[in-house]
Amino acid sequence: MILFSSAFSFMIGIILLAFVLWLFSKSIRFLFRFILNSIVGFIFLIIFNFFGGIVGLYLPVNVITAFVAGVLGIPGIIVLLLAKYFFHFI
C-alpha cells in the first residue's frame, strides 16, 4: 500500500512539473515575442522618421512608441501620428 501511495505521489509530481514547465515555456515565448515586436517597431519608427523627415513628420523613438508600432505595425504608426498631431498626446 505504501509503494502504491508513493508511486501515485511521484506521478502527480511529474504531471505538475510538466504543467509548470509548459506554462513557463509559454511565458518565455510571450516575452520573446514582446521583445521581438518592440525591436521591429523600433526599426519601423527609424525608417518612418527617415522618410517622414522629408515632409516634416517625426515621431519620438522610445520604448512606448516602439512597442505600439511593433504590436500594431503600420496602423500603430498611424495611431501614433494621430496621437501626436491631432491630440498632442506624444
N, C-alpha and C. Protein backbone atom coordinates (compact mmCIF):
# COMPACT_ATOMS: atom_id res chain seq x y z
N MET A 1 0.81 -1.19 0.00
CA MET A 1 0.00 0.00 0.00
C MET A 1 0.86 1.26 0.00
N ILE A 2 1.98 1.23 0.76
CA ILE A 2 2.86 2.39 0.82
C ILE A 2 3.53 2.61 -0.53
N LEU A 3 3.89 1.51 -1.22
CA LEU A 3 4.52 1.62 -2.52
C LEU A 3 3.57 2.26 -3.52
N PHE A 4 2.30 1.87 -3.49
CA PHE A 4 1.30 2.46 -4.38
C PHE A 4 1.13 3.95 -4.09
N SER A 5 1.11 4.33 -2.84
CA SER A 5 0.94 5.72 -2.45
C SER A 5 2.12 6.57 -2.92
N SER A 6 3.35 6.10 -2.75
CA SER A 6 4.49 6.89 -3.17
C SER A 6 4.60 6.94 -4.70
N ALA A 7 4.21 5.87 -5.38
CA ALA A 7 4.22 5.89 -6.84
C ALA A 7 3.18 6.88 -7.37
N PHE A 8 2.01 6.89 -6.73
CA PHE A 8 0.97 7.83 -7.12
C PHE A 8 1.42 9.27 -6.87
N SER A 9 2.05 9.55 -5.76
CA SER A 9 2.57 10.89 -5.45
C SER A 9 3.65 11.29 -6.45
N PHE A 10 4.49 10.34 -6.82
CA PHE A 10 5.54 10.61 -7.80
C PHE A 10 4.94 10.97 -9.15
N MET A 11 3.90 10.24 -9.58
CA MET A 11 3.25 10.53 -10.86
C MET A 11 2.57 11.90 -10.83
N ILE A 12 1.92 12.23 -9.74
CA ILE A 12 1.29 13.55 -9.62
C ILE A 12 2.36 14.64 -9.66
N GLY A 13 3.48 14.42 -9.01
CA GLY A 13 4.58 15.39 -9.03
C GLY A 13 5.14 15.60 -10.42
N ILE A 14 5.28 14.51 -11.17
CA ILE A 14 5.78 14.61 -12.55
C ILE A 14 4.78 15.37 -13.42
N ILE A 15 3.50 15.09 -13.27
CA ILE A 15 2.47 15.79 -14.04
C ILE A 15 2.48 17.28 -13.69
N LEU A 16 2.57 17.62 -12.42
CA LEU A 16 2.62 19.02 -12.02
C LEU A 16 3.89 19.71 -12.54
N LEU A 17 5.01 19.03 -12.51
CA LEU A 17 6.25 19.58 -13.04
C LEU A 17 6.14 19.83 -14.54
N ALA A 18 5.56 18.91 -15.28
CA ALA A 18 5.37 19.09 -16.72
C ALA A 18 4.46 20.27 -16.99
N PHE A 19 3.41 20.43 -16.19
CA PHE A 19 2.49 21.55 -16.36
C PHE A 19 3.18 22.89 -16.09
N VAL A 20 3.98 22.94 -15.04
CA VAL A 20 4.71 24.18 -14.70
C VAL A 20 5.71 24.51 -15.80
N LEU A 21 6.42 23.52 -16.31
CA LEU A 21 7.37 23.76 -17.40
C LEU A 21 6.65 24.21 -18.66
N TRP A 22 5.49 23.67 -18.94
CA TRP A 22 4.71 24.09 -20.10
C TRP A 22 4.28 25.55 -19.94
N LEU A 23 3.81 25.94 -18.75
CA LEU A 23 3.44 27.33 -18.51
C LEU A 23 4.65 28.25 -18.65
N PHE A 24 5.78 27.82 -18.13
CA PHE A 24 6.99 28.62 -18.21
C PHE A 24 7.42 28.82 -19.66
N SER A 25 7.30 27.78 -20.48
CA SER A 25 7.68 27.91 -21.88
C SER A 25 6.74 28.86 -22.61
N LYS A 26 5.47 28.87 -22.24
CA LYS A 26 4.53 29.82 -22.86
C LYS A 26 4.89 31.24 -22.49
N SER A 27 5.25 31.49 -21.23
CA SER A 27 5.57 32.84 -20.81
C SER A 27 6.89 33.31 -21.43
N ILE A 28 7.85 32.41 -21.59
CA ILE A 28 9.11 32.77 -22.25
C ILE A 28 8.85 33.11 -23.71
N ARG A 29 7.99 32.35 -24.36
CA ARG A 29 7.64 32.61 -25.75
C ARG A 29 6.94 33.97 -25.86
N PHE A 30 6.05 34.27 -24.93
CA PHE A 30 5.36 35.57 -24.93
C PHE A 30 6.35 36.71 -24.72
N LEU A 31 7.29 36.54 -23.80
CA LEU A 31 8.29 37.56 -23.55
C LEU A 31 9.18 37.76 -24.77
N PHE A 32 9.59 36.68 -25.41
CA PHE A 32 10.41 36.77 -26.61
C PHE A 32 9.66 37.50 -27.72
N ARG A 33 8.37 37.19 -27.90
CA ARG A 33 7.56 37.86 -28.91
C ARG A 33 7.42 39.34 -28.61
N PHE A 34 7.24 39.69 -27.34
CA PHE A 34 7.14 41.09 -26.92
C PHE A 34 8.42 41.85 -27.26
N ILE A 35 9.58 41.26 -26.97
CA ILE A 35 10.85 41.91 -27.26
C ILE A 35 11.07 42.02 -28.77
N LEU A 36 10.76 40.97 -29.50
CA LEU A 36 10.92 40.99 -30.95
C LEU A 36 10.01 42.04 -31.59
N ASN A 37 8.75 42.13 -31.15
CA ASN A 37 7.84 43.14 -31.68
C ASN A 37 8.32 44.55 -31.37
N SER A 38 8.87 44.76 -30.21
CA SER A 38 9.40 46.08 -29.87
C SER A 38 10.58 46.45 -30.75
N ILE A 39 11.43 45.49 -31.06
CA ILE A 39 12.57 45.75 -31.95
C ILE A 39 12.08 46.08 -33.35
N VAL A 40 11.10 45.33 -33.84
CA VAL A 40 10.53 45.62 -35.16
C VAL A 40 9.88 47.00 -35.17
N GLY A 41 9.18 47.35 -34.10
CA GLY A 41 8.59 48.68 -34.00
C GLY A 41 9.63 49.77 -34.00
N PHE A 42 10.74 49.54 -33.32
CA PHE A 42 11.84 50.49 -33.31
C PHE A 42 12.38 50.70 -34.73
N ILE A 43 12.55 49.61 -35.46
CA ILE A 43 13.04 49.71 -36.84
C ILE A 43 12.03 50.45 -37.72
N PHE A 44 10.73 50.15 -37.57
CA PHE A 44 9.70 50.88 -38.31
C PHE A 44 9.75 52.37 -38.01
N LEU A 45 9.93 52.72 -36.75
CA LEU A 45 9.99 54.13 -36.38
C LEU A 45 11.21 54.82 -36.97
N ILE A 46 12.34 54.16 -36.98
CA ILE A 46 13.55 54.73 -37.57
C ILE A 46 13.35 54.97 -39.06
N ILE A 47 12.79 53.98 -39.75
CA ILE A 47 12.53 54.13 -41.19
C ILE A 47 11.51 55.23 -41.42
N PHE A 48 10.44 55.26 -40.61
CA PHE A 48 9.43 56.31 -40.76
C PHE A 48 10.02 57.69 -40.53
N ASN A 49 10.85 57.83 -39.50
CA ASN A 49 11.46 59.13 -39.22
C ASN A 49 12.42 59.55 -40.33
N PHE A 50 13.08 58.60 -40.95
CA PHE A 50 13.99 58.93 -42.05
C PHE A 50 13.21 59.50 -43.24
N PHE A 51 12.15 58.77 -43.65
CA PHE A 51 11.38 59.23 -44.80
C PHE A 51 10.37 60.31 -44.42
N GLY A 52 9.85 60.27 -43.20
CA GLY A 52 8.91 61.30 -42.76
C GLY A 52 9.57 62.64 -42.53
N GLY A 53 10.86 62.63 -42.25
CA GLY A 53 11.59 63.88 -42.08
C GLY A 53 11.62 64.72 -43.34
N ILE A 54 11.48 64.09 -44.49
CA ILE A 54 11.47 64.79 -45.77
C ILE A 54 10.25 65.71 -45.85
N VAL A 55 9.11 65.24 -45.34
CA VAL A 55 7.88 66.04 -45.40
C VAL A 55 7.53 66.67 -44.06
N GLY A 56 8.38 66.53 -43.07
CA GLY A 56 8.17 67.19 -41.79
C GLY A 56 7.44 66.37 -40.74
N LEU A 57 7.30 65.07 -40.94
CA LEU A 57 6.67 64.21 -39.94
C LEU A 57 7.75 63.54 -39.10
N TYR A 58 7.55 63.54 -37.80
CA TYR A 58 8.53 62.95 -36.89
C TYR A 58 7.80 62.35 -35.71
N LEU A 59 8.23 61.16 -35.31
CA LEU A 59 7.72 60.52 -34.10
C LEU A 59 8.89 60.25 -33.17
N PRO A 60 8.73 60.51 -31.88
CA PRO A 60 9.82 60.20 -30.96
C PRO A 60 10.03 58.69 -30.86
N VAL A 61 11.27 58.30 -30.72
CA VAL A 61 11.59 56.87 -30.62
C VAL A 61 11.90 56.58 -29.16
N ASN A 62 10.98 55.86 -28.50
CA ASN A 62 11.18 55.43 -27.13
C ASN A 62 10.52 54.06 -26.95
N VAL A 63 10.52 53.55 -25.76
CA VAL A 63 10.01 52.20 -25.52
C VAL A 63 8.52 52.11 -25.84
N ILE A 64 7.75 53.11 -25.44
CA ILE A 64 6.29 53.06 -25.64
C ILE A 64 5.95 53.11 -27.13
N THR A 65 6.55 54.05 -27.87
CA THR A 65 6.23 54.15 -29.29
C THR A 65 6.73 52.94 -30.06
N ALA A 66 7.88 52.39 -29.67
CA ALA A 66 8.38 51.18 -30.33
C ALA A 66 7.46 50.00 -30.07
N PHE A 67 6.94 49.89 -28.85
CA PHE A 67 6.02 48.80 -28.54
C PHE A 67 4.72 48.93 -29.32
N VAL A 68 4.16 50.14 -29.37
CA VAL A 68 2.90 50.34 -30.11
C VAL A 68 3.10 50.05 -31.58
N ALA A 69 4.19 50.54 -32.17
CA ALA A 69 4.46 50.27 -33.57
C ALA A 69 4.76 48.79 -33.81
N GLY A 70 5.40 48.14 -32.86
CA GLY A 70 5.71 46.72 -33.02
C GLY A 70 4.50 45.83 -32.92
N VAL A 71 3.61 46.14 -31.99
CA VAL A 71 2.41 45.32 -31.81
C VAL A 71 1.39 45.57 -32.92
N LEU A 72 1.19 46.83 -33.25
CA LEU A 72 0.14 47.16 -34.23
C LEU A 72 0.66 47.32 -35.66
N GLY A 73 1.96 47.42 -35.83
CA GLY A 73 2.54 47.56 -37.17
C GLY A 73 2.28 48.94 -37.76
N ILE A 74 1.96 48.98 -39.04
CA ILE A 74 1.69 50.24 -39.73
C ILE A 74 0.49 50.98 -39.12
N PRO A 75 -0.61 50.29 -38.77
CA PRO A 75 -1.69 51.01 -38.08
C PRO A 75 -1.23 51.63 -36.76
N GLY A 76 -0.26 51.02 -36.09
CA GLY A 76 0.28 51.58 -34.86
C GLY A 76 0.98 52.90 -35.11
N ILE A 77 1.71 52.98 -36.22
CA ILE A 77 2.37 54.24 -36.57
C ILE A 77 1.33 55.30 -36.89
N ILE A 78 0.25 54.91 -37.54
CA ILE A 78 -0.83 55.86 -37.82
C ILE A 78 -1.47 56.33 -36.52
N VAL A 79 -1.69 55.42 -35.58
CA VAL A 79 -2.24 55.80 -34.27
C VAL A 79 -1.31 56.77 -33.56
N LEU A 80 0.00 56.51 -33.62
CA LEU A 80 0.96 57.40 -33.00
C LEU A 80 0.96 58.78 -33.66
N LEU A 81 0.82 58.80 -34.99
CA LEU A 81 0.74 60.08 -35.69
C LEU A 81 -0.50 60.86 -35.27
N LEU A 82 -1.63 60.16 -35.18
CA LEU A 82 -2.87 60.82 -34.72
C LEU A 82 -2.72 61.34 -33.30
N ALA A 83 -2.09 60.54 -32.45
CA ALA A 83 -1.90 60.96 -31.06
C ALA A 83 -0.99 62.17 -30.96
N LYS A 84 -0.02 62.26 -31.85
CA LYS A 84 0.91 63.38 -31.76
C LYS A 84 0.36 64.65 -32.40
N TYR A 85 -0.16 64.55 -33.61
CA TYR A 85 -0.51 65.77 -34.34
C TYR A 85 -1.94 66.24 -34.11
N PHE A 86 -2.87 65.36 -33.81
CA PHE A 86 -4.24 65.80 -33.58
C PHE A 86 -4.58 65.98 -32.11
N PHE A 87 -4.06 65.09 -31.27
CA PHE A 87 -4.39 65.16 -29.85
C PHE A 87 -3.26 65.72 -29.01
N HIS A 88 -2.09 65.96 -29.62
CA HIS A 88 -0.91 66.49 -28.91
C HIS A 88 -0.60 65.67 -27.67
N PHE A 89 -0.69 64.37 -27.84
CA PHE A 89 -0.51 63.45 -26.71
C PHE A 89 0.94 63.05 -26.52
N ILE A 90 1.65 62.84 -27.61
CA ILE A 90 3.04 62.37 -27.52
C ILE A 90 3.96 63.58 -27.51
